[in-house]
PDB file of N, CA and C in Angstrom:
ATOM      1  N   MET A   1       6.605 -19.166  -5.009  1.00  0.00           N
ATOM      2  CA  MET A   1       6.350 -18.481  -3.764  1.00  0.00           C
ATOM      3  C   MET A   1       4.875 -18.093  -3.707  1.00  0.00           C
ATOM      4  N   GLY A   2       4.282 -18.140  -2.528  1.00  0.00           N
ATOM      5  CA  GLY A   2       2.867 -17.845  -2.349  1.00  0.00           C
ATOM      6  C   GLY A   2       2.576 -16.356  -2.330  1.00  0.00           C
ATOM      7  N   LYS A   3       1.350 -16.041  -1.978  1.00  0.00           N
ATOM      8  CA  LYS A   3       0.897 -14.654  -1.934  1.00  0.00           C
ATOM      9  C   LYS A   3       0.501 -14.262  -0.518  1.00  0.00           C
ATOM     10  N   LEU A   4       0.797 -13.031  -0.176  1.00  0.00           N
ATOM     11  CA  LEU A   4       0.361 -12.405   1.058  1.00  0.00           C
ATOM     12  C   LEU A   4      -0.837 -11.542   0.672  1.00  0.00           C
ATOM     13  N   THR A   5      -1.972 -11.708   1.329  1.00  0.00           N
ATOM     14  CA  THR A   5      -3.156 -10.927   0.982  1.00  0.00           C
ATOM     15  C   THR A   5      -3.559 -10.048   2.162  1.00  0.00           C
ATOM     16  N   LEU A   6      -4.223  -8.939   1.833  1.00  0.00           N
ATOM     17  CA  LEU A   6      -4.712  -8.070   2.887  1.00  0.00           C
ATOM     18  C   LEU A   6      -5.906  -7.279   2.399  1.00  0.00           C
ATOM     19  N   GLU A   7      -6.717  -6.863   3.350  1.00  0.00           N
ATOM     20  CA  GLU A   7      -7.852  -5.991   3.102  1.00  0.00           C
ATOM     21  C   GLU A   7      -7.892  -4.970   4.221  1.00  0.00           C
ATOM     22  N   VAL A   8      -8.010  -3.708   3.833  1.00  0.00           N
ATOM     23  CA  VAL A   8      -8.083  -2.621   4.803  1.00  0.00           C
ATOM     24  C   VAL A   8      -9.352  -1.833   4.507  1.00  0.00           C
ATOM     25  N   PRO A   9     -10.317  -1.821   5.435  1.00  0.00           N
ATOM     26  CA  PRO A   9     -11.562  -1.083   5.202  1.00  0.00           C
ATOM     27  C   PRO A   9     -11.322   0.422   5.267  1.00  0.00           C
ATOM     28  N   HIS A  10     -12.179   1.175   4.586  1.00  0.00           N
ATOM     29  CA  HIS A  10     -12.128   2.633   4.683  1.00  0.00           C
ATOM     30  C   HIS A  10     -13.534   3.198   4.487  1.00  0.00           C
ATOM     31  N   THR A  11     -13.686   4.463   4.885  1.00  0.00           N
ATOM     32  CA  THR A  11     -14.975   5.139   4.764  1.00  0.00           C
ATOM     33  C   THR A  11     -14.899   6.346   3.838  1.00  0.00           C
ATOM     34  N   LEU A  12     -13.838   6.448   3.066  1.00  0.00           N
ATOM     35  CA  LEU A  12     -13.623   7.594   2.186  1.00  0.00           C
ATOM     36  C   LEU A  12     -14.353   7.415   0.863  1.00  0.00           C
ATOM     37  N   HIS A  13     -14.570   8.523   0.166  1.00  0.00           N
ATOM     38  CA  HIS A  13     -15.064   8.436  -1.203  1.00  0.00           C
ATOM     39  C   HIS A  13     -13.968   7.790  -2.043  1.00  0.00           C
ATOM     40  N   LEU A  14     -14.349   7.099  -3.077  1.00  0.00           N
ATOM     41  CA  LEU A  14     -13.389   6.367  -3.909  1.00  0.00           C
ATOM     42  C   LEU A  14     -12.265   7.267  -4.402  1.00  0.00           C
ATOM     43  N   GLN A  15     -12.592   8.479  -4.842  1.00  0.00           N
ATOM     44  CA  GLN A  15     -11.582   9.396  -5.369  1.00  0.00           C
ATOM     45  C   GLN A  15     -10.556   9.774  -4.294  1.00  0.00           C
ATOM     46  N   GLU A  16     -11.023  10.029  -3.077  1.00  0.00           N
ATOM     47  CA  GLU A  16     -10.094  10.381  -2.003  1.00  0.00           C
ATOM     48  C   GLU A  16      -9.246   9.181  -1.595  1.00  0.00           C
ATOM     49  N   ALA A  17      -9.846   8.000  -1.548  1.00  0.00           N
ATOM     50  CA  ALA A  17      -9.083   6.790  -1.242  1.00  0.00           C
ATOM     51  C   ALA A  17      -7.996   6.589  -2.294  1.00  0.00           C
ATOM     52  N   HIS A  18      -8.340   6.819  -3.565  1.00  0.00           N
ATOM     53  CA  HIS A  18      -7.369   6.695  -4.658  1.00  0.00           C
ATOM     54  C   HIS A  18      -6.234   7.696  -4.468  1.00  0.00           C
ATOM     55  N   GLN A  19      -6.566   8.930  -4.140  1.00  0.00           N
ATOM     56  CA  GLN A  19      -5.548   9.966  -3.935  1.00  0.00           C
ATOM     57  C   GLN A  19      -4.599   9.584  -2.796  1.00  0.00           C
ATOM     58  N   ARG A  20      -5.153   9.055  -1.724  1.00  0.00           N
ATOM     59  CA  ARG A  20      -4.323   8.710  -0.565  1.00  0.00           C
ATOM     60  C   ARG A  20      -3.446   7.481  -0.840  1.00  0.00           C
ATOM     61  N   ILE A  21      -3.990   6.488  -1.511  1.00  0.00           N
ATOM     62  CA  ILE A  21      -3.184   5.308  -1.831  1.00  0.00           C
ATOM     63  C   ILE A  21      -2.116   5.673  -2.861  1.00  0.00           C
ATOM     64  N   THR A  22      -2.438   6.574  -3.782  1.00  0.00           N
ATOM     65  CA  THR A  22      -1.428   7.060  -4.732  1.00  0.00           C
ATOM     66  C   THR A  22      -0.285   7.717  -3.971  1.00  0.00           C
ATOM     67  N   ALA A  23      -0.603   8.522  -2.960  1.00  0.00           N
ATOM     68  CA  ALA A  23       0.432   9.157  -2.147  1.00  0.00           C
ATOM     69  C   ALA A  23       1.279   8.111  -1.422  1.00  0.00           C
ATOM     70  N   LEU A  24       0.655   7.064  -0.911  1.00  0.00           N
ATOM     71  CA  LEU A  24       1.390   5.997  -0.236  1.00  0.00           C
ATOM     72  C   LEU A  24       2.310   5.263  -1.203  1.00  0.00           C
ATOM     73  N   VAL A  25       1.800   4.934  -2.367  1.00  0.00           N
ATOM     74  CA  VAL A  25       2.611   4.243  -3.377  1.00  0.00           C
ATOM     75  C   VAL A  25       3.782   5.129  -3.818  1.00  0.00           C
ATOM     76  N   ASP A  26       3.535   6.432  -3.948  1.00  0.00           N
ATOM     77  CA  ASP A  26       4.615   7.360  -4.287  1.00  0.00           C
ATOM     78  C   ASP A  26       5.666   7.394  -3.180  1.00  0.00           C
ATOM     79  N   TYR A  27       5.232   7.313  -1.929  1.00  0.00           N
ATOM     80  CA  TYR A  27       6.168   7.242  -0.802  1.00  0.00           C
ATOM     81  C   TYR A  27       7.047   5.993  -0.922  1.00  0.00           C
ATOM     82  N   TRP A  28       6.424   4.856  -1.213  1.00  0.00           N
ATOM     83  CA  TRP A  28       7.210   3.627  -1.373  1.00  0.00           C
ATOM     84  C   TRP A  28       8.180   3.743  -2.546  1.00  0.00           C
ATOM     85  N   HIS A  29       7.797   4.455  -3.578  1.00  0.00           N
ATOM     86  CA  HIS A  29       8.696   4.668  -4.721  1.00  0.00           C
ATOM     87  C   HIS A  29       9.907   5.503  -4.276  1.00  0.00           C
ATOM     88  N   ARG A  30       9.649   6.602  -3.579  1.00  0.00           N
ATOM     89  CA  ARG A  30      10.746   7.470  -3.128  1.00  0.00           C
ATOM     90  C   ARG A  30      11.619   6.774  -2.087  1.00  0.00           C
ATOM     91  N   GLN A  31      10.987   6.089  -1.156  1.00  0.00           N
ATOM     92  CA  GLN A  31      11.708   5.507  -0.030  1.00  0.00           C
ATOM     93  C   GLN A  31      12.459   4.219  -0.400  1.00  0.00           C
ATOM     94  N   TYR A  32      11.836   3.378  -1.214  1.00  0.00           N
ATOM     95  CA  TYR A  32      12.392   2.045  -1.473  1.00  0.00           C
ATOM     96  C   TYR A  32      12.644   1.753  -2.946  1.00  0.00           C
ATOM     97  N   GLY A  33      12.279   2.689  -3.831  1.00  0.00           N
ATOM     98  CA  GLY A  33      12.535   2.496  -5.253  1.00  0.00           C
ATOM     99  C   GLY A  33      11.543   1.595  -5.972  1.00  0.00           C
ATOM    100  N   PHE A  34      10.405   1.322  -5.355  1.00  0.00           N
ATOM    101  CA  PHE A  34       9.407   0.469  -6.009  1.00  0.00           C
ATOM    102  C   PHE A  34       8.861   1.152  -7.257  1.00  0.00           C
ATOM    103  N   GLN A  35       8.746   0.387  -8.325  1.00  0.00           N
ATOM    104  CA  GLN A  35       8.133   0.878  -9.553  1.00  0.00           C
ATOM    105  C   GLN A  35       6.641   0.646  -9.450  1.00  0.00           C
ATOM    106  N   ARG A  36       5.865   1.563 -10.025  1.00  0.00           N
ATOM    107  CA  ARG A  36       4.415   1.430  -9.942  1.00  0.00           C
ATOM    108  C   ARG A  36       3.783   1.746 -11.283  1.00  0.00           C
ATOM    109  N   THR A  37       2.717   1.007 -11.567  1.00  0.00           N
ATOM    110  CA  THR A  37       1.945   1.186 -12.786  1.00  0.00           C
ATOM    111  C   THR A  37       0.477   1.192 -12.408  1.00  0.00           C
ATOM    112  N   TRP A  38      -0.227   2.231 -12.867  1.00  0.00           N
ATOM    113  CA  TRP A  38      -1.648   2.360 -12.562  1.00  0.00           C
ATOM    114  C   TRP A  38      -2.488   2.023 -13.775  1.00  0.00           C
ATOM    115  N   ALA A  39      -3.604   1.334 -13.533  1.00  0.00           N
ATOM    116  CA  ALA A  39      -4.649   1.089 -14.528  1.00  0.00           C
ATOM    117  C   ALA A  39      -5.967   1.348 -13.814  1.00  0.00           C
ATOM    118  N   GLY A  40      -6.443   2.583 -13.877  1.00  0.00           N
ATOM    119  CA  GLY A  40      -7.662   2.946 -13.153  1.00  0.00           C
ATOM    120  C   GLY A  40      -7.429   2.915 -11.664  1.00  0.00           C
ATOM    121  N   THR A  41      -8.143   2.045 -10.971  1.00  0.00           N
ATOM    122  CA  THR A  41      -8.024   1.939  -9.516  1.00  0.00           C
ATOM    123  C   THR A  41      -7.187   0.731  -9.084  1.00  0.00           C
ATOM    124  N   VAL A  42      -6.380   0.228  -9.998  1.00  0.00           N
ATOM    125  CA  VAL A  42      -5.498  -0.905  -9.697  1.00  0.00           C
ATOM    126  C   VAL A  42      -4.052  -0.464  -9.887  1.00  0.00           C
ATOM    127  N   CYS A  43      -3.240  -0.734  -8.889  1.00  0.00           N
ATOM    128  CA  CYS A  43      -1.822  -0.391  -8.963  1.00  0.00           C
ATOM    129  C   CYS A  43      -0.995  -1.671  -8.882  1.00  0.00           C
ATOM    130  N   GLN A  44      -0.034  -1.789  -9.782  1.00  0.00           N
ATOM    131  CA  GLN A  44       0.917  -2.890  -9.726  1.00  0.00           C
ATOM    132  C   GLN A  44       2.256  -2.323  -9.289  1.00  0.00           C
ATOM    133  N   LEU A  45       2.863  -2.974  -8.309  1.00  0.00           N
ATOM    134  CA  LEU A  45       4.153  -2.554  -7.759  1.00  0.00           C
ATOM    135  C   LEU A  45       5.180  -3.651  -7.976  1.00  0.00           C
ATOM    136  N   SER A  46       6.416  -3.238  -8.189  1.00  0.00           N
ATOM    137  CA  SER A  46       7.493  -4.221  -8.268  1.00  0.00           C
ATOM    138  C   SER A  46       8.774  -3.579  -7.763  1.00  0.00           C
ATOM    139  N   GLY A  47       9.594  -4.391  -7.139  1.00  0.00           N
ATOM    140  CA  GLY A  47      10.867  -3.917  -6.620  1.00  0.00           C
ATOM    141  C   GLY A  47      11.446  -4.939  -5.667  1.00  0.00           C
ATOM    142  N   SER A  48      12.494  -4.543  -4.993  1.00  0.00           N
ATOM    143  CA  SER A  48      13.083  -5.459  -4.013  1.00  0.00           C
ATOM    144  C   SER A  48      13.273  -4.725  -2.701  1.00  0.00           C
ATOM    145  N   PHE A  49      13.148  -5.489  -1.636  1.00  0.00           N
ATOM    146  CA  PHE A  49      13.306  -4.972  -0.289  1.00  0.00           C
ATOM    147  C   PHE A  49      14.055  -6.017   0.511  1.00  0.00           C
ATOM    148  N   MET A  50      15.137  -5.613   1.135  1.00  0.00           N
ATOM    149  CA  MET A  50      15.970  -6.527   1.912  1.00  0.00           C
ATOM    150  C   MET A  50      16.396  -7.737   1.079  1.00  0.00           C
ATOM    151  N   GLY A  51      16.656  -7.503  -0.195  1.00  0.00           N
ATOM    152  CA  GLY A  51      17.121  -8.558  -1.077  1.00  0.00           C
ATOM    153  C   GLY A  51      16.049  -9.500  -1.578  1.00  0.00           C
ATOM    154  N   ILE A  52      14.791  -9.214  -1.280  1.00  0.00           N
ATOM    155  CA  ILE A  52      13.685 -10.063  -1.706  1.00  0.00           C
ATOM    156  C   ILE A  52      12.933  -9.354  -2.828  1.00  0.00           C
ATOM    157  N   GLN A  53      12.822 -10.008  -3.977  1.00  0.00           N
ATOM    158  CA  GLN A  53      12.061  -9.446  -5.097  1.00  0.00           C
ATOM    159  C   GLN A  53      10.573  -9.540  -4.784  1.00  0.00           C
ATOM    160  N   LEU A  54       9.880  -8.410  -4.889  1.00  0.00           N
ATOM    161  CA  LEU A  54       8.468  -8.356  -4.541  1.00  0.00           C
ATOM    162  C   LEU A  54       7.635  -7.834  -5.700  1.00  0.00           C
ATOM    163  N   GLU A  55       6.472  -8.412  -5.861  1.00  0.00           N
ATOM    164  CA  GLU A  55       5.457  -7.966  -6.818  1.00  0.00           C
ATOM    165  C   GLU A  55       4.170  -7.830  -6.027  1.00  0.00           C
ATOM    166  N   ALA A  56       3.409  -6.787  -6.305  1.00  0.00           N
ATOM    167  CA  ALA A  56       2.164  -6.572  -5.563  1.00  0.00           C
ATOM    168  C   ALA A  56       1.117  -5.920  -6.451  1.00  0.00           C
ATOM    169  N   GLU A  57      -0.132  -6.133  -6.074  1.00  0.00           N
ATOM    170  CA  GLU A  57      -1.263  -5.461  -6.699  1.00  0.00           C
ATOM    171  C   GLU A  57      -2.131  -4.879  -5.594  1.00  0.00           C
ATOM    172  N   ILE A  58      -2.572  -3.644  -5.819  1.00  0.00           N
ATOM    173  CA  ILE A  58      -3.452  -2.971  -4.875  1.00  0.00           C
ATOM    174  C   ILE A  58      -4.718  -2.586  -5.632  1.00  0.00           C
ATOM    175  N   TYR A  59      -5.866  -2.935  -5.064  1.00  0.00           N
ATOM    176  CA  TYR A  59      -7.162  -2.629  -5.657  1.00  0.00           C
ATOM    177  C   TYR A  59      -7.880  -1.632  -4.755  1.00  0.00           C
ATOM    178  N   ILE A  60      -8.250  -0.491  -5.300  1.00  0.00           N
ATOM    179  CA  ILE A  60      -8.985   0.511  -4.542  1.00  0.00           C
ATOM    180  C   ILE A  60     -10.465   0.301  -4.824  1.00  0.00           C
ATOM    181  N   LEU A  61     -11.198  -0.082  -3.789  1.00  0.00           N
ATOM    182  CA  LEU A  61     -12.618  -0.367  -3.917  1.00  0.00           C
ATOM    183  C   LEU A  61     -13.423   0.637  -3.092  1.00  0.00           C
ATOM    184  N   GLU A  62     -14.736   0.608  -3.256  1.00  0.00           N
ATOM    185  CA  GLU A  62     -15.619   1.575  -2.596  1.00  0.00           C
ATOM    186  C   GLU A  62     -15.443   1.628  -1.080  1.00  0.00           C
ATOM    187  N   ASN A  63     -15.290   0.494  -0.437  1.00  0.00           N
ATOM    188  CA  ASN A  63     -15.235   0.492   1.023  1.00  0.00           C
ATOM    189  C   ASN A  63     -14.011  -0.215   1.602  1.00  0.00           C
ATOM    190  N   LYS A  64     -13.070  -0.577   0.739  1.00  0.00           N
ATOM    191  CA  LYS A  64     -11.870  -1.237   1.245  1.00  0.00           C
ATOM    192  C   LYS A  64     -10.757  -1.166   0.197  1.00  0.00           C
ATOM    193  N   ILE A  65      -9.562  -1.383   0.690  1.00  0.00           N
ATOM    194  CA  ILE A  65      -8.397  -1.568  -0.170  1.00  0.00           C
ATOM    195  C   ILE A  65      -8.050  -3.038  -0.061  1.00  0.00           C
ATOM    196  N   SER A  66      -7.915  -3.675  -1.194  1.00  0.00           N
ATOM    197  CA  SER A  66      -7.592  -5.092  -1.235  1.00  0.00           C
ATOM    198  C   SER A  66      -6.265  -5.229  -1.959  1.00  0.00           C
ATOM    199  N   GLY A  67      -5.475  -6.175  -1.537  1.00  0.00           N
ATOM    200  CA  GLY A  67      -4.192  -6.331  -2.201  1.00  0.00           C
ATOM    201  C   GLY A  67      -3.591  -7.703  -2.009  1.00  0.00           C
ATOM    202  N   SER A  68      -2.619  -7.968  -2.841  1.00  0.00           N
ATOM    203  CA  SER A  68      -1.834  -9.189  -2.704  1.00  0.00           C
ATOM    204  C   SER A  68      -0.397  -8.866  -3.083  1.00  0.00           C
ATOM    205  N   ALA A  69       0.509  -9.579  -2.475  1.00  0.00           N
ATOM    206  CA  ALA A  69       1.932  -9.356  -2.718  1.00  0.00           C
ATOM    207  C   ALA A  69       2.672 -10.684  -2.597  1.00  0.00           C
ATOM    208  N   THR A  70       3.846 -10.702  -3.165  1.00  0.00           N
ATOM    209  CA  THR A  70       4.706 -11.862  -3.009  1.00  0.00           C
ATOM    210  C   THR A  70       4.912 -12.127  -1.524  1.00  0.00           C
ATOM    211  N   ASP A  71       4.719 -13.359  -1.120  1.00  0.00           N
ATOM    212  CA  ASP A  71       4.938 -13.733   0.277  1.00  0.00           C
ATOM    213  C   ASP A  71       6.443 -13.675   0.546  1.00  0.00           C
ATOM    214  N   PRO A  72       6.890 -12.847   1.506  1.00  0.00           N
ATOM    215  CA  PRO A  72       8.322 -12.733   1.766  1.00  0.00           C
ATOM    216  C   PRO A  72       8.907 -13.909   2.549  1.00  0.00           C
ATOM    217  N   GLY A  73       8.086 -14.883   2.848  1.00  0.00           N
ATOM    218  CA  GLY A  73       8.565 -16.053   3.581  1.00  0.00           C
ATOM    219  C   GLY A  73       8.134 -16.017   5.040  1.00  0.00           C
ATOM    220  N   PHE A  74       8.274 -17.162   5.662  1.00  0.00           N
ATOM    221  CA  PHE A  74       7.790 -17.371   7.018  1.00  0.00           C
ATOM    222  C   PHE A  74       8.324 -16.331   8.012  1.00  0.00           C
ATOM    223  N   LEU A  75       9.603 -16.025   7.943  1.00  0.00           N
ATOM    224  CA  LEU A  75      10.207 -15.140   8.941  1.00  0.00           C
ATOM    225  C   LEU A  75       9.729 -13.693   8.835  1.00  0.00           C
ATOM    226  N   LEU A  76       9.393 -13.230   7.632  1.00  0.00           N
ATOM    227  CA  LEU A  76       8.998 -11.835   7.438  1.00  0.00           C
ATOM    228  C   LEU A  76       7.501 -11.643   7.199  1.00  0.00           C
ATOM    229  N   ARG A  77       6.761 -12.728   7.044  1.00  0.00           N
ATOM    230  CA  ARG A  77       5.342 -12.646   6.683  1.00  0.00           C
ATOM    231  C   ARG A  77       4.533 -11.792   7.663  1.00  0.00           C
ATOM    232  N   GLY A  78       4.648 -12.060   8.947  1.00  0.00           N
ATOM    233  CA  GLY A  78       3.883 -11.314   9.955  1.00  0.00           C
ATOM    234  C   GLY A  78       4.257  -9.844   9.980  1.00  0.00           C
ATOM    235  N   SER A  79       5.543  -9.554   9.931  1.00  0.00           N
ATOM    236  CA  SER A  79       6.005  -8.165   9.943  1.00  0.00           C
ATOM    237  C   SER A  79       5.548  -7.424   8.696  1.00  0.00           C
ATOM    238  N   ALA A  80       5.622  -8.074   7.542  1.00  0.00           N
ATOM    239  CA  ALA A  80       5.197  -7.443   6.287  1.00  0.00           C
ATOM    240  C   ALA A  80       3.703  -7.146   6.318  1.00  0.00           C
ATOM    241  N   HIS A  81       2.905  -8.098   6.758  1.00  0.00           N
ATOM    242  CA  HIS A  81       1.452  -7.900   6.821  1.00  0.00           C
ATOM    243  C   HIS A  81       1.110  -6.770   7.787  1.00  0.00           C
ATOM    244  N   LYS A  82       1.756  -6.759   8.941  1.00  0.00           N
ATOM    245  CA  LYS A  82       1.512  -5.714   9.940  1.00  0.00           C
ATOM    246  C   LYS A  82       1.892  -4.343   9.388  1.00  0.00           C
ATOM    247  N   TYR A  83       3.054  -4.228   8.737  1.00  0.00           N
ATOM    248  CA  TYR A  83       3.497  -2.953   8.186  1.00  0.00           C
ATOM    249  C   TYR A  83       2.523  -2.452   7.121  1.00  0.00           C
ATOM    250  N   LEU A  84       2.163  -3.314   6.176  1.00  0.00           N
ATOM    251  CA  LEU A  84       1.275  -2.908   5.085  1.00  0.00           C
ATOM    252  C   LEU A  84      -0.095  -2.478   5.603  1.00  0.00           C
ATOM    253  N   THR A  85      -0.653  -3.243   6.508  1.00  0.00           N
ATOM    254  CA  THR A  85      -1.960  -2.919   7.068  1.00  0.00           C
ATOM    255  C   THR A  85      -1.911  -1.605   7.833  1.00  0.00           C
ATOM    256  N   LYS A  86      -0.886  -1.422   8.653  1.00  0.00           N
ATOM    257  CA  LYS A  86      -0.740  -0.205   9.444  1.00  0.00           C
ATOM    258  C   LYS A  86      -0.560   1.013   8.543  1.00  0.00           C
ATOM    259  N   LYS A  87       0.289   0.891   7.525  1.00  0.00           N
ATOM    260  CA  LYS A  87       0.571   2.022   6.641  1.00  0.00           C
ATOM    261  C   LYS A  87      -0.676   2.426   5.860  1.00  0.00           C
ATOM    262  N   MET A  88      -1.405   1.450   5.344  1.00  0.00           N
ATOM    263  CA  MET A  88      -2.624   1.765   4.600  1.00  0.00           C
ATOM    264  C   MET A  88      -3.677   2.387   5.520  1.00  0.00           C
ATOM    265  N   ALA A  89      -3.843   1.852   6.711  1.00  0.00           N
ATOM    266  CA  ALA A  89      -4.815   2.408   7.660  1.00  0.00           C
ATOM    267  C   ALA A  89      -4.447   3.852   8.021  1.00  0.00           C
ATOM    268  N   GLU A  90      -3.170   4.118   8.167  1.00  0.00           N
ATOM    269  CA  GLU A  90      -2.693   5.472   8.462  1.00  0.00           C
ATOM    270  C   GLU A  90      -3.067   6.432   7.330  1.00  0.00           C
ATOM    271  N   TYR A  91      -2.812   6.045   6.102  1.00  0.00           N
ATOM    272  CA  TYR A  91      -3.105   6.904   4.957  1.00  0.00           C
ATOM    273  C   TYR A  91      -4.608   7.036   4.702  1.00  0.00           C
ATOM    274  N   LEU A  92      -5.390   6.054   5.113  1.00  0.00           N
ATOM    275  CA  LEU A  92      -6.837   6.077   4.882  1.00  0.00           C
ATOM    276  C   LEU A  92      -7.630   6.637   6.061  1.00  0.00           C
ATOM    277  N   ASN A  93      -6.967   7.085   7.084  1.00  0.00           N
ATOM    278  CA  ASN A  93      -7.627   7.613   8.275  1.00  0.00           C
ATOM    279  C   ASN A  93      -8.319   8.935   7.936  1.00  0.00           C
ATOM    280  N   PRO A  94      -9.657   8.981   7.967  1.00  0.00           N
ATOM    281  CA  PRO A  94     -10.365  10.205   7.594  1.00  0.00           C
ATOM    282  C   PRO A  94     -10.171  11.347   8.603  1.00  0.00           C
ATOM    283  N   LYS A  95      -9.674  11.043   9.793  1.00  0.00           N
ATOM    284  CA  LYS A  95      -9.436  12.072  10.803  1.00  0.00           C
ATOM    285  C   LYS A  95      -8.131  12.817  10.579  1.00  0.00           C
ATOM    286  N   GLN A  96      -7.320  12.312   9.677  1.00  0.00           N
ATOM    287  CA  GLN A  96      -6.026  12.936   9.409  1.00  0.00           C
ATOM    288  C   GLN A  96      -5.990  13.423   7.958  1.00  0.00           C
ATOM    289  N   GLN A  97      -5.618  14.673   7.770  1.00  0.00           N
ATOM    290  CA  GLN A  97      -5.509  15.244   6.433  1.00  0.00           C
ATOM    291  C   GLN A  97      -4.293  14.653   5.719  1.00  0.00           C
ATOM    292  N   LEU A  98      -4.417  14.461   4.421  1.00  0.00           N
ATOM    293  CA  LEU A  98      -3.326  13.880   3.638  1.00  0.00           C
ATOM    294  C   LEU A  98      -2.068  14.728   3.730  1.00  0.00           C
ATOM    295  N   ASP A  99      -2.197  16.048   3.699  1.00  0.00           N
ATOM    296  CA  ASP A  99      -0.997  16.892   3.766  1.00  0.00           C
ATOM    297  C   ASP A  99      -0.266  16.726   5.099  1.00  0.00           C
ATOM    298  N   GLU A 100      -0.995  16.443   6.193  1.00  0.00           N
ATOM    299  CA  GLU A 100      -0.359  16.171   7.485  1.00  0.00           C
ATOM    300  C   GLU A 100       0.461  14.883   7.409  1.00  0.00           C
ATOM    301  N   ILE A 101      -0.105  13.869   6.805  1.00  0.00           N
ATOM    302  CA  ILE A 101       0.593  12.588   6.657  1.00  0.00           C
ATOM    303  C   ILE A 101       1.856  12.781   5.832  1.00  0.00           C
ATOM    304  N   LEU A 102       1.740  13.504   4.734  1.00  0.00           N
ATOM    305  CA  LEU A 102       2.891  13.717   3.866  1.00  0.00           C
ATOM    306  C   LEU A 102       3.993  14.507   4.556  1.00  0.00           C
ATOM    307  N   ARG A 103       3.621  15.474   5.384  1.00  0.00           N
ATOM    308  CA  ARG A 103       4.631  16.222   6.152  1.00  0.00           C
ATOM    309  C   ARG A 103       5.371  15.304   7.112  1.00  0.00           C
ATOM    310  N   GLN A 104       4.644  14.381   7.729  1.00  0.00           N
ATOM    311  CA  GLN A 104       5.277  13.444   8.668  1.00  0.00           C
ATOM    312  C   GLN A 104       6.221  12.494   7.959  1.00  0.00           C
ATOM    313  N   GLU A 105       5.930  12.178   6.702  1.00  0.00           N
ATOM    314  CA  GLU A 105       6.751  11.234   5.930  1.00  0.00           C
ATOM    315  C   GLU A 105       7.998  11.896   5.359  1.00  0.00           C
ATOM    316  N   ALA A 106       8.006  13.228   5.293  1.00  0.00           N
ATOM    317  CA  ALA A 106       9.135  13.944   4.676  1.00  0.00           C
ATOM    318  C   ALA A 106      10.394  13.847   5.495  1.00  0.00           C
TER     319      ALA A 106
END
C-alpha cells in the first residue's frame, strides 16, 4: 500500500507547535485508540480506523508539520487528507488558544 503525505504550514515557535501536535495526537489516542511513540519532534502512530490498519509519522519542523501515513485507498484518500490537514491547521491556529481547542474536543 502507498503513502498519503501532507504538509501543514505554521507560524508558531517549535516548542508550541510540538505542544499542540502532542495534544492532537493525544486526542487521536483517546478518540480512536491510536498508539503513539515520540522521538524528539517525530511521532509515530499506529492503529486501525474503520477496519483499516494505519501507520503514520508526523515531523514537527520550524515552519511546518510534515507527515506520511498509510494510504487508506482510493475511496477514502481525499477524505483522509482533508481531515488530517483540517485537524492539524485547527490545532496550529495561533489565533486560538490550545485550552479552547481542548475544551471543544471534550
